[in-house]
């Protein structure tokens, strides 16, 4: 019994300390399917959830966000381990997966719900945004249209949007190529 109790405490406190090591980052880069694909394969990232952020409506639907009635933007919530990957490294990955010079949306998706935004949660993250711009020598600071907004809320998107690039790979890659995302990214980040 004593060994069982000790094992329980070890497992309990290990899981508690593990959950304390998780952090979250919130990025909007146009289509959340594309942002999911860009972040899920990175070491230190344990989860990426498609959703909506920045608006006023609680639990908006995709149709409401798309129509512009909520103020929300397609966003991903990234769960990461800061011991493996830093917020600064996540920012660098964000930049190379968007067109920071398009203030009207991203690639073929236009409108407020597809704009690029970094939702920072504190002053340190806000400072790291500036540092990331300085470190990304290819970025022209004067032309950047990506917004930097204090994080307020996040609502997960409907289940059919989660892992869309995996679950509906043929449709996803047709969309990706049809929107010209890879070609434009290559042009920007050559």
N, C-alpha and C. Protein backbone atom coordinates (compact mmCIF):
# COMPACT_ATOMS: atom_id res chain seq x y z
N UNK A 1 0.82 -1.19 0.00
CA UNK A 1 0.00 0.00 0.00
C UNK A 1 0.87 1.26 0.00
N UNK A 2 1.93 1.21 0.80
CA UNK A 2 2.82 2.36 0.89
C UNK A 2 3.48 2.65 -0.46
N UNK A 3 3.89 1.59 -1.17
CA UNK A 3 4.51 1.77 -2.48
C UNK A 3 3.51 2.35 -3.47
N UNK A 4 2.26 1.93 -3.39
CA UNK A 4 1.22 2.46 -4.26
C UNK A 4 0.98 3.94 -4.00
N UNK A 5 0.99 4.33 -2.74
CA UNK A 5 0.80 5.73 -2.37
C UNK A 5 1.97 6.58 -2.86
N UNK A 6 3.18 6.09 -2.72
CA UNK A 6 4.36 6.81 -3.21
C UNK A 6 4.29 6.96 -4.73
N UNK A 7 3.92 5.90 -5.42
CA UNK A 7 3.78 5.95 -6.88
C UNK A 7 2.73 6.98 -7.28
N UNK A 8 1.63 7.02 -6.57
CA UNK A 8 0.58 8.01 -6.85
C UNK A 8 1.13 9.43 -6.72
N UNK A 9 1.85 9.72 -5.64
CA UNK A 9 2.39 11.07 -5.44
C UNK A 9 3.41 11.43 -6.52
N UNK A 10 4.24 10.48 -6.90
CA UNK A 10 5.23 10.73 -7.96
C UNK A 10 4.51 11.07 -9.26
N UNK A 11 3.53 10.26 -9.62
CA UNK A 11 2.79 10.52 -10.85
C UNK A 11 2.02 11.83 -10.79
N UNK A 12 1.40 12.11 -9.67
CA UNK A 12 0.63 13.34 -9.52
C UNK A 12 1.52 14.57 -9.65
N UNK A 13 2.61 14.60 -8.91
CA UNK A 13 3.47 15.78 -8.93
C UNK A 13 4.25 15.90 -10.23
N UNK A 14 4.54 14.80 -10.89
CA UNK A 14 5.17 14.86 -12.21
C UNK A 14 4.21 15.48 -13.21
N UNK A 15 2.96 15.08 -13.17
CA UNK A 15 1.99 15.65 -14.12
C UNK A 15 1.72 17.12 -13.80
N UNK A 16 1.72 17.50 -12.54
CA UNK A 16 1.51 18.91 -12.19
C UNK A 16 2.67 19.75 -12.69
N UNK A 17 3.90 19.32 -12.47
CA UNK A 17 5.04 20.11 -12.93
C UNK A 17 5.09 20.15 -14.45
N UNK A 18 4.66 19.09 -15.12
CA UNK A 18 4.65 19.09 -16.58
C UNK A 18 3.68 20.15 -17.11
N UNK A 19 2.48 20.21 -16.50
CA UNK A 19 1.50 21.18 -16.99
C UNK A 19 1.96 22.61 -16.74
N UNK A 20 2.76 22.83 -15.70
CA UNK A 20 3.28 24.17 -15.45
C UNK A 20 4.32 24.57 -16.48
N UNK A 21 4.91 23.60 -17.18
CA UNK A 21 5.91 23.89 -18.19
C UNK A 21 5.29 24.27 -19.53
N UNK A 22 3.99 24.16 -19.66
CA UNK A 22 3.33 24.51 -20.91
C UNK A 22 3.09 26.01 -20.97
N UNK A 23 3.26 26.54 -22.16
CA UNK A 23 2.91 27.93 -22.42
C UNK A 23 2.08 27.96 -23.69
N UNK A 24 1.47 29.11 -23.92
CA UNK A 24 0.60 29.26 -25.08
C UNK A 24 1.01 30.49 -25.88
N UNK A 25 0.88 30.39 -27.18
CA UNK A 25 1.10 31.51 -28.09
C UNK A 25 -0.10 31.56 -29.03
N UNK A 26 -0.46 32.76 -29.46
CA UNK A 26 -1.63 32.96 -30.32
C UNK A 26 -1.23 33.78 -31.53
N UNK A 27 -1.36 33.15 -32.71
CA UNK A 27 -0.99 33.81 -33.96
C UNK A 27 -2.11 33.67 -34.98
N UNK A 28 -2.33 34.73 -35.72
CA UNK A 28 -3.27 34.71 -36.84
C UNK A 28 -2.46 34.95 -38.11
N UNK A 29 -2.58 34.03 -39.04
CA UNK A 29 -1.79 34.14 -40.27
C UNK A 29 -2.62 33.77 -41.48
N UNK A 30 -3.84 34.27 -41.52
CA UNK A 30 -4.73 33.89 -42.61
C UNK A 30 -5.41 32.59 -42.26
N UNK A 31 -5.48 31.70 -43.19
CA UNK A 31 -6.14 30.41 -43.01
C UNK A 31 -5.54 29.65 -41.82
N UNK A 32 -6.38 29.31 -40.84
CA UNK A 32 -5.83 28.62 -39.68
C UNK A 32 -5.38 27.20 -40.00
N UNK A 33 -5.90 26.61 -41.08
CA UNK A 33 -5.42 25.28 -41.48
C UNK A 33 -3.93 25.35 -41.81
N UNK A 34 -3.54 26.41 -42.51
CA UNK A 34 -2.14 26.56 -42.92
C UNK A 34 -1.24 26.83 -41.72
N UNK A 35 -1.75 27.58 -40.77
CA UNK A 35 -0.95 27.87 -39.59
C UNK A 35 -0.80 26.62 -38.71
N UNK A 36 -1.84 25.80 -38.65
CA UNK A 36 -1.74 24.53 -37.93
C UNK A 36 -0.61 23.69 -38.52
N UNK A 37 -0.63 23.57 -39.84
CA UNK A 37 0.38 22.76 -40.53
C UNK A 37 1.79 23.32 -40.29
N UNK A 38 1.93 24.63 -40.22
CA UNK A 38 3.23 25.26 -40.05
C UNK A 38 3.82 25.08 -38.66
N UNK A 39 2.98 24.91 -37.65
CA UNK A 39 3.47 24.82 -36.28
C UNK A 39 3.46 23.42 -35.68
N UNK A 40 2.59 22.54 -36.14
CA UNK A 40 2.48 21.22 -35.51
C UNK A 40 3.74 20.38 -35.65
N UNK A 41 4.53 20.63 -36.67
CA UNK A 41 5.70 19.77 -36.90
C UNK A 41 6.96 20.26 -36.18
N UNK A 42 6.85 21.27 -35.35
CA UNK A 42 8.00 21.86 -34.68
C UNK A 42 8.24 21.18 -33.33
N UNK A 43 9.51 20.82 -33.07
CA UNK A 43 9.87 20.24 -31.77
C UNK A 43 9.54 21.24 -30.67
N UNK A 44 8.91 20.76 -29.62
CA UNK A 44 8.54 21.60 -28.50
C UNK A 44 7.10 22.07 -28.54
N UNK A 45 6.47 21.92 -29.71
CA UNK A 45 5.05 22.26 -29.84
C UNK A 45 4.26 20.99 -29.62
N UNK A 46 3.38 20.99 -28.63
CA UNK A 46 2.62 19.77 -28.32
C UNK A 46 1.21 19.79 -28.88
N UNK A 47 0.68 20.99 -29.19
CA UNK A 47 -0.68 21.05 -29.70
C UNK A 47 -0.90 22.38 -30.42
N UNK A 48 -1.69 22.32 -31.48
CA UNK A 48 -2.10 23.53 -32.20
C UNK A 48 -3.60 23.40 -32.44
N UNK A 49 -4.33 24.40 -31.99
CA UNK A 49 -5.79 24.39 -32.11
C UNK A 49 -6.22 25.57 -32.98
N UNK A 50 -7.03 25.29 -33.98
CA UNK A 50 -7.60 26.36 -34.81
C UNK A 50 -8.76 26.99 -34.06
N UNK A 51 -8.87 28.31 -34.19
CA UNK A 51 -9.95 29.00 -33.50
C UNK A 51 -10.07 30.45 -33.90
N UNK A 52 -10.67 31.22 -33.01
CA UNK A 52 -10.98 32.62 -33.29
C UNK A 52 -10.54 33.46 -32.10
N UNK A 53 -9.99 34.64 -32.40
CA UNK A 53 -9.52 35.51 -31.34
C UNK A 53 -9.69 36.97 -31.74
N UNK A 54 -9.74 37.83 -30.72
CA UNK A 54 -9.72 39.25 -30.95
C UNK A 54 -11.06 39.95 -31.03
N UNK A 55 -12.13 39.20 -31.09
CA UNK A 55 -13.46 39.79 -31.24
C UNK A 55 -14.23 39.90 -29.95
N UNK A 56 -15.50 40.20 -30.10
CA UNK A 56 -16.34 40.43 -28.92
C UNK A 56 -17.34 39.32 -28.65
N UNK A 57 -17.70 38.56 -29.66
CA UNK A 57 -18.74 37.52 -29.48
C UNK A 57 -18.16 36.29 -28.80
N UNK A 58 -18.87 35.81 -27.80
CA UNK A 58 -18.48 34.58 -27.11
C UNK A 58 -18.86 33.39 -27.99
N UNK A 59 -17.93 32.44 -28.13
CA UNK A 59 -18.14 31.22 -28.91
C UNK A 59 -18.71 31.48 -30.31
N UNK A 60 -18.00 32.23 -31.12
CA UNK A 60 -18.49 32.50 -32.48
C UNK A 60 -18.42 31.26 -33.35
N UNK A 61 -19.21 31.25 -34.41
CA UNK A 61 -19.14 30.17 -35.40
C UNK A 61 -18.29 30.65 -36.57
N UNK A 62 -17.85 29.70 -37.36
CA UNK A 62 -17.05 30.02 -38.54
C UNK A 62 -17.80 30.98 -39.46
N UNK A 63 -19.07 30.72 -39.69
CA UNK A 63 -19.87 31.57 -40.57
C UNK A 63 -19.97 33.00 -40.04
N UNK A 64 -20.14 33.15 -38.73
CA UNK A 64 -20.22 34.48 -38.13
C UNK A 64 -18.89 35.23 -38.28
N UNK A 65 -17.80 34.54 -38.04
CA UNK A 65 -16.48 35.16 -38.15
C UNK A 65 -16.22 35.56 -39.61
N UNK A 66 -16.53 34.67 -40.53
CA UNK A 66 -16.31 34.93 -41.94
C UNK A 66 -17.12 36.13 -42.44
N UNK A 67 -18.32 36.29 -41.94
CA UNK A 67 -19.18 37.42 -42.34
C UNK A 67 -18.73 38.74 -41.70
N UNK A 68 -17.80 38.68 -40.76
CA UNK A 68 -17.28 39.89 -40.14
C UNK A 68 -18.15 40.47 -39.06
N UNK A 69 -19.01 39.66 -38.49
CA UNK A 69 -19.95 40.16 -37.48
C UNK A 69 -19.44 40.03 -36.05
N UNK A 70 -18.26 39.51 -35.87
CA UNK A 70 -17.79 39.23 -34.51
C UNK A 70 -16.52 40.00 -34.13
N UNK A 71 -15.79 40.48 -35.11
CA UNK A 71 -14.50 41.10 -34.85
C UNK A 71 -13.38 40.10 -34.66
N UNK A 72 -13.69 38.81 -34.72
CA UNK A 72 -12.68 37.77 -34.54
C UNK A 72 -11.87 37.54 -35.81
N UNK A 73 -10.70 36.95 -35.60
CA UNK A 73 -9.78 36.61 -36.68
C UNK A 73 -9.44 35.13 -36.54
N UNK A 74 -9.30 34.44 -37.67
CA UNK A 74 -8.85 33.04 -37.62
C UNK A 74 -7.47 33.01 -36.97
N UNK A 75 -7.36 32.25 -35.90
CA UNK A 75 -6.16 32.24 -35.06
C UNK A 75 -5.82 30.81 -34.67
N UNK A 76 -4.55 30.57 -34.38
CA UNK A 76 -4.17 29.28 -33.79
C UNK A 76 -3.64 29.51 -32.38
N UNK A 77 -4.01 28.57 -31.51
CA UNK A 77 -3.49 28.53 -30.14
C UNK A 77 -2.43 27.45 -30.13
N UNK A 78 -1.21 27.84 -29.83
CA UNK A 78 -0.07 26.92 -29.84
C UNK A 78 0.33 26.61 -28.41
N UNK A 79 0.34 25.34 -28.07
CA UNK A 79 0.82 24.89 -26.76
C UNK A 79 2.26 24.44 -26.96
N UNK A 80 3.16 25.03 -26.17
CA UNK A 80 4.57 24.70 -26.36
C UNK A 80 5.30 24.61 -25.03
N UNK A 81 6.46 23.95 -25.09
CA UNK A 81 7.32 23.79 -23.92
C UNK A 81 8.48 24.78 -24.07
N UNK A 82 8.54 25.81 -23.22
CA UNK A 82 9.59 26.81 -23.36
C UNK A 82 11.00 26.28 -23.08
N UNK A 83 11.09 25.08 -22.53
CA UNK A 83 12.40 24.47 -22.33
C UNK A 83 12.94 23.90 -23.63
N UNK A 84 12.04 23.68 -24.61
CA UNK A 84 12.43 23.10 -25.89
C UNK A 84 12.45 24.16 -26.99
N UNK A 85 11.47 25.03 -27.00
CA UNK A 85 11.38 26.09 -28.01
C UNK A 85 10.96 27.40 -27.33
N UNK A 86 11.61 28.47 -27.75
CA UNK A 86 11.30 29.77 -27.14
C UNK A 86 10.19 30.48 -27.91
N UNK A 87 9.60 31.45 -27.27
CA UNK A 87 8.60 32.28 -27.93
C UNK A 87 9.22 33.00 -29.13
N UNK A 88 10.46 33.42 -29.00
CA UNK A 88 11.16 34.08 -30.10
C UNK A 88 11.28 33.16 -31.31
N UNK A 89 11.57 31.89 -31.08
CA UNK A 89 11.65 30.93 -32.19
C UNK A 89 10.28 30.70 -32.82
N UNK A 90 9.23 30.70 -32.01
CA UNK A 90 7.88 30.59 -32.56
C UNK A 90 7.57 31.80 -33.45
N UNK A 91 7.98 32.98 -33.01
CA UNK A 91 7.76 34.19 -33.81
C UNK A 91 8.47 34.09 -35.16
N UNK A 92 9.69 33.61 -35.15
CA UNK A 92 10.44 33.48 -36.41
C UNK A 92 9.71 32.53 -37.36
N UNK A 93 9.18 31.44 -36.82
CA UNK A 93 8.42 30.51 -37.66
C UNK A 93 7.14 31.16 -38.17
N UNK A 94 6.51 31.96 -37.34
CA UNK A 94 5.31 32.69 -37.77
C UNK A 94 5.63 33.58 -38.97
N UNK A 95 6.68 34.40 -38.84
CA UNK A 95 7.00 35.34 -39.92
C UNK A 95 7.20 34.65 -41.25
N UNK A 96 7.94 33.54 -41.27
CA UNK A 96 8.24 32.90 -42.55
C UNK A 96 7.07 32.13 -43.14
N UNK A 97 5.94 32.11 -42.42
CA UNK A 97 4.75 31.42 -42.91
C UNK A 97 3.60 32.37 -43.25
N UNK A 98 3.89 33.68 -43.27
CA UNK A 98 2.87 34.66 -43.63
C UNK A 98 3.44 35.67 -44.61
N UNK A 99 2.56 36.49 -45.16
CA UNK A 99 2.96 37.67 -45.93
C UNK A 99 2.75 38.87 -45.01
N UNK A 100 3.81 39.35 -44.36
CA UNK A 100 3.65 40.43 -43.39
C UNK A 100 3.31 41.78 -44.01
N UNK A 101 3.32 41.86 -45.33
CA UNK A 101 3.10 43.13 -46.02
C UNK A 101 1.68 43.27 -46.56
N UNK A 102 0.85 42.27 -46.33
CA UNK A 102 -0.54 42.30 -46.82
C UNK A 102 -1.47 42.64 -45.65
N UNK A 103 -2.03 43.82 -45.65
CA UNK A 103 -2.92 44.24 -44.58
C UNK A 103 -4.38 43.94 -44.85
N UNK A 104 -4.66 43.30 -45.97
CA UNK A 104 -6.06 43.03 -46.34
C UNK A 104 -6.44 41.56 -46.19
N UNK A 105 -5.53 40.76 -45.69
CA UNK A 105 -5.76 39.33 -45.54
C UNK A 105 -4.48 38.59 -45.82
N UNK A 106 -4.59 37.33 -46.16
CA UNK A 106 -3.42 36.53 -46.47
C UNK A 106 -3.68 35.71 -47.72
N UNK A 107 -2.81 35.92 -48.72
CA UNK A 107 -2.84 35.17 -49.96
C UNK A 107 -4.20 35.35 -50.64
N UNK A 108 -4.93 34.30 -50.95
CA UNK A 108 -6.21 34.50 -51.65
C UNK A 108 -7.36 34.80 -50.69
N UNK A 109 -7.12 34.68 -49.39
CA UNK A 109 -8.16 34.96 -48.40
C UNK A 109 -8.07 36.41 -47.97
N UNK A 110 -9.09 37.18 -48.28
CA UNK A 110 -9.10 38.60 -47.95
C UNK A 110 -10.21 38.90 -46.95
N UNK A 111 -10.04 39.97 -46.22
CA UNK A 111 -11.02 40.37 -45.22
C UNK A 111 -10.42 40.34 -43.83
N UNK A 112 -11.05 41.03 -42.89
CA UNK A 112 -10.54 41.15 -41.53
C UNK A 112 -10.29 39.80 -40.87
N UNK A 113 -11.13 38.82 -41.11
CA UNK A 113 -10.97 37.53 -40.43
C UNK A 113 -9.73 36.77 -40.88
N UNK A 114 -9.06 37.24 -41.95
CA UNK A 114 -7.87 36.57 -42.46
C UNK A 114 -6.60 37.41 -42.32
N UNK A 115 -6.66 38.52 -41.60
CA UNK A 115 -5.46 39.35 -41.45
C UNK A 115 -4.45 38.66 -40.54
N UNK A 116 -3.21 39.13 -40.61
CA UNK A 116 -2.17 38.54 -39.77
C UNK A 116 -2.01 39.38 -38.49
N UNK A 117 -2.00 38.66 -37.37
CA UNK A 117 -1.93 39.31 -36.05
C UNK A 117 -1.09 38.45 -35.12
N UNK A 118 -0.28 39.10 -34.32
CA UNK A 118 0.39 38.43 -33.21
C UNK A 118 -0.32 38.92 -31.94
N UNK A 119 -0.92 37.99 -31.22
CA UNK A 119 -1.60 38.34 -29.97
C UNK A 119 -0.62 38.11 -28.83
N UNK A 120 -0.08 39.18 -28.29
CA UNK A 120 0.88 39.05 -27.19
C UNK A 120 0.14 39.06 -25.85
N UNK A 121 0.73 38.34 -24.87
CA UNK A 121 0.06 38.18 -23.57
C UNK A 121 0.68 39.01 -22.46
N UNK A 122 1.86 39.56 -22.71
CA UNK A 122 2.53 40.35 -21.68
C UNK A 122 3.59 41.24 -22.33
N UNK A 123 4.22 42.08 -21.53
CA UNK A 123 5.23 43.02 -22.05
C UNK A 123 6.44 42.30 -22.63
N UNK A 124 6.81 41.17 -22.02
CA UNK A 124 7.96 40.42 -22.52
C UNK A 124 7.70 39.93 -23.95
N UNK A 125 6.53 39.36 -24.19
CA UNK A 125 6.20 38.91 -25.55
C UNK A 125 6.17 40.09 -26.52
N UNK A 126 5.64 41.21 -26.07
CA UNK A 126 5.59 42.40 -26.92
C UNK A 126 7.00 42.84 -27.32
N UNK A 127 7.93 42.81 -26.38
CA UNK A 127 9.33 43.16 -26.67
C UNK A 127 9.97 42.15 -27.63
N UNK A 128 9.61 40.89 -27.46
CA UNK A 128 10.17 39.85 -28.34
C UNK A 128 9.68 39.99 -29.78
N UNK A 129 8.50 40.57 -29.96
CA UNK A 129 8.02 40.83 -31.32
C UNK A 129 8.99 41.78 -32.01
N UNK A 130 9.36 42.87 -31.34
CA UNK A 130 10.33 43.82 -31.91
C UNK A 130 11.66 43.14 -32.16
N UNK A 131 12.10 42.34 -31.21
CA UNK A 131 13.38 41.64 -31.38
C UNK A 131 13.32 40.70 -32.58
N UNK A 132 12.20 40.01 -32.76
CA UNK A 132 12.09 39.08 -33.89
C UNK A 132 12.16 39.83 -35.22
N UNK A 133 11.57 41.00 -35.28
CA UNK A 133 11.62 41.80 -36.51
C UNK A 133 13.06 42.20 -36.79
N UNK A 134 13.78 42.63 -35.76
CA UNK A 134 15.18 43.01 -35.93
C UNK A 134 16.05 41.83 -36.39
N UNK A 135 15.75 40.65 -35.85
CA UNK A 135 16.55 39.47 -36.20
C UNK A 135 16.21 38.90 -37.57
N UNK A 136 15.01 39.17 -38.05
CA UNK A 136 14.62 38.70 -39.38
C UNK A 136 15.07 39.76 -40.38
N UNK A 137 16.30 39.65 -40.82
CA UNK A 137 16.92 40.67 -41.68
C UNK A 137 16.10 40.94 -42.94
N UNK A 138 15.34 39.96 -43.40
CA UNK A 138 14.54 40.13 -44.62
C UNK A 138 13.31 41.01 -44.41
N UNK A 139 12.91 41.21 -43.15
CA UNK A 139 11.70 42.01 -42.88
C UNK A 139 11.96 43.50 -43.07
N UNK A 140 11.09 44.15 -43.80
CA UNK A 140 11.14 45.60 -43.95
C UNK A 140 10.14 46.18 -42.96
N UNK A 141 10.64 46.67 -41.84
CA UNK A 141 9.81 47.15 -40.73
C UNK A 141 8.77 48.17 -41.20
N UNK A 142 9.15 49.04 -42.12
CA UNK A 142 8.25 50.11 -42.56
C UNK A 142 7.05 49.59 -43.36
N UNK A 143 7.17 48.41 -43.93
CA UNK A 143 6.09 47.87 -44.76
C UNK A 143 5.21 46.85 -44.04
N UNK A 144 5.58 46.47 -42.82
CA UNK A 144 4.85 45.42 -42.11
C UNK A 144 3.42 45.87 -41.83
N UNK A 145 2.47 45.02 -42.21
CA UNK A 145 1.05 45.28 -41.96
C UNK A 145 0.49 44.35 -40.89
N UNK A 146 1.28 43.41 -40.43
CA UNK A 146 0.85 42.51 -39.36
C UNK A 146 0.61 43.33 -38.10
N UNK A 147 -0.52 43.09 -37.45
CA UNK A 147 -0.86 43.82 -36.23
C UNK A 147 -0.30 43.10 -35.00
N UNK A 148 -0.03 43.85 -33.97
CA UNK A 148 0.41 43.33 -32.68
C UNK A 148 -0.64 43.79 -31.67
N UNK A 149 -1.41 42.82 -31.15
CA UNK A 149 -2.58 43.13 -30.34
C UNK A 149 -2.50 42.36 -29.03
N UNK A 150 -2.88 43.01 -27.95
CA UNK A 150 -2.91 42.32 -26.66
C UNK A 150 -3.97 41.23 -26.69
N UNK A 151 -3.59 40.05 -26.24
CA UNK A 151 -4.50 38.90 -26.21
C UNK A 151 -5.64 39.12 -25.24
N UNK A 152 -6.86 38.79 -25.69
CA UNK A 152 -8.03 38.91 -24.82
C UNK A 152 -8.80 37.60 -24.70
N UNK A 153 -8.93 36.88 -25.81
CA UNK A 153 -9.78 35.68 -25.78
C UNK A 153 -9.40 34.74 -26.92
N UNK A 154 -9.82 33.51 -26.76
CA UNK A 154 -9.65 32.51 -27.81
C UNK A 154 -10.79 31.52 -27.69
N UNK A 155 -11.40 31.21 -28.83
CA UNK A 155 -12.48 30.23 -28.88
C UNK A 155 -12.13 29.20 -29.95
N UNK A 156 -12.06 27.92 -29.57
CA UNK A 156 -11.75 26.88 -30.56
C UNK A 156 -12.78 26.86 -31.69
N UNK A 157 -12.29 26.61 -32.89
CA UNK A 157 -13.17 26.47 -34.05
C UNK A 157 -13.88 25.12 -33.97
N UNK A 158 -14.84 24.95 -34.85
CA UNK A 158 -15.60 23.71 -34.93
C UNK A 158 -14.66 22.53 -35.19
N UNK A 159 -15.10 21.35 -34.77
CA UNK A 159 -14.28 20.14 -34.88
C UNK A 159 -13.78 19.89 -36.30
N UNK A 160 -14.59 20.16 -37.30
CA UNK A 160 -14.18 19.83 -38.67
C UNK A 160 -13.02 20.70 -39.15
N UNK A 161 -12.70 21.79 -38.44
CA UNK A 161 -11.54 22.62 -38.80
C UNK A 161 -10.25 22.11 -38.16
N UNK A 162 -10.35 21.33 -37.11
CA UNK A 162 -9.16 20.86 -36.40
C UNK A 162 -8.44 19.80 -37.22
N UNK A 163 -7.14 19.97 -37.36
CA UNK A 163 -6.30 19.03 -38.12
C UNK A 163 -6.79 18.86 -39.56
N UNK A 164 -7.38 19.89 -40.10
CA UNK A 164 -7.95 19.81 -41.44
C UNK A 164 -6.91 19.40 -42.48
N UNK A 165 -5.71 19.93 -42.36
CA UNK A 165 -4.67 19.61 -43.34
C UNK A 165 -4.30 18.13 -43.34
N UNK A 166 -4.55 17.44 -42.23
CA UNK A 166 -4.29 16.00 -42.16
C UNK A 166 -5.53 15.20 -42.59
N UNK A 167 -6.66 15.60 -42.06
CA UNK A 167 -7.90 14.86 -42.29
C UNK A 167 -8.43 15.00 -43.73
N UNK A 168 -8.14 16.12 -44.35
CA UNK A 168 -8.62 16.42 -45.71
C UNK A 168 -7.46 16.88 -46.58
N UNK A 169 -6.42 16.07 -46.62
CA UNK A 169 -5.16 16.46 -47.25
C UNK A 169 -5.31 16.88 -48.71
N UNK A 170 -6.09 16.17 -49.49
CA UNK A 170 -6.24 16.50 -50.90
C UNK A 170 -6.84 17.89 -51.07
N UNK A 171 -7.92 18.15 -50.36
CA UNK A 171 -8.56 19.47 -50.43
C UNK A 171 -7.63 20.55 -49.90
N UNK A 172 -6.96 20.27 -48.80
CA UNK A 172 -6.05 21.25 -48.20
C UNK A 172 -4.94 21.64 -49.18
N UNK A 173 -4.27 20.66 -49.78
CA UNK A 173 -3.16 20.98 -50.68
C UNK A 173 -3.63 21.66 -51.96
N UNK A 174 -4.81 21.33 -52.42
CA UNK A 174 -5.39 22.04 -53.57
C UNK A 174 -5.62 23.50 -53.21
N UNK A 175 -6.17 23.72 -52.03
CA UNK A 175 -6.40 25.08 -51.54
C UNK A 175 -5.07 25.83 -51.39
N UNK A 176 -4.10 25.20 -50.75
CA UNK A 176 -2.80 25.81 -50.49
C UNK A 176 -2.13 26.27 -51.78
N UNK A 177 -2.08 25.38 -52.75
CA UNK A 177 -1.45 25.72 -54.02
C UNK A 177 -2.29 26.71 -54.82
N UNK A 178 -3.61 26.52 -54.81
CA UNK A 178 -4.50 27.42 -55.54
C UNK A 178 -4.44 28.85 -55.02
N UNK A 179 -4.19 29.01 -53.74
CA UNK A 179 -4.07 30.34 -53.14
C UNK A 179 -2.71 30.98 -53.41
N UNK A 180 -1.77 30.20 -53.89
CA UNK A 180 -0.45 30.73 -54.18
C UNK A 180 0.41 30.98 -52.95
N UNK A 181 0.07 30.37 -51.85
CA UNK A 181 0.81 30.60 -50.61
C UNK A 181 2.28 30.20 -50.72
N UNK A 182 2.61 28.98 -51.16
CA UNK A 182 4.03 28.61 -51.23
C UNK A 182 4.84 29.52 -52.17
N UNK A 183 4.26 29.89 -53.30
CA UNK A 183 4.98 30.74 -54.26
C UNK A 183 5.24 32.12 -53.66
N UNK A 184 4.24 32.70 -53.00
CA UNK A 184 4.41 34.03 -52.41
C UNK A 184 5.40 33.98 -51.26
N UNK A 185 5.36 32.94 -50.44
CA UNK A 185 6.31 32.82 -49.35
C UNK A 185 7.74 32.71 -49.88
N UNK A 186 7.90 31.97 -50.93
CA UNK A 186 9.23 31.83 -51.55
C UNK A 186 9.72 33.19 -52.05
N UNK A 187 8.82 33.95 -52.65
CA UNK A 187 9.16 35.29 -53.16
C UNK A 187 9.58 36.23 -52.03
N UNK A 188 8.86 36.20 -50.92
CA UNK A 188 9.16 37.10 -49.79
C UNK A 188 10.44 36.70 -49.09
N UNK A 189 10.63 35.41 -48.84
CA UNK A 189 11.70 34.95 -47.97
C UNK A 189 12.90 34.35 -48.71
N UNK A 190 13.07 34.71 -49.98
CA UNK A 190 14.18 34.16 -50.76
C UNK A 190 15.53 34.50 -50.18
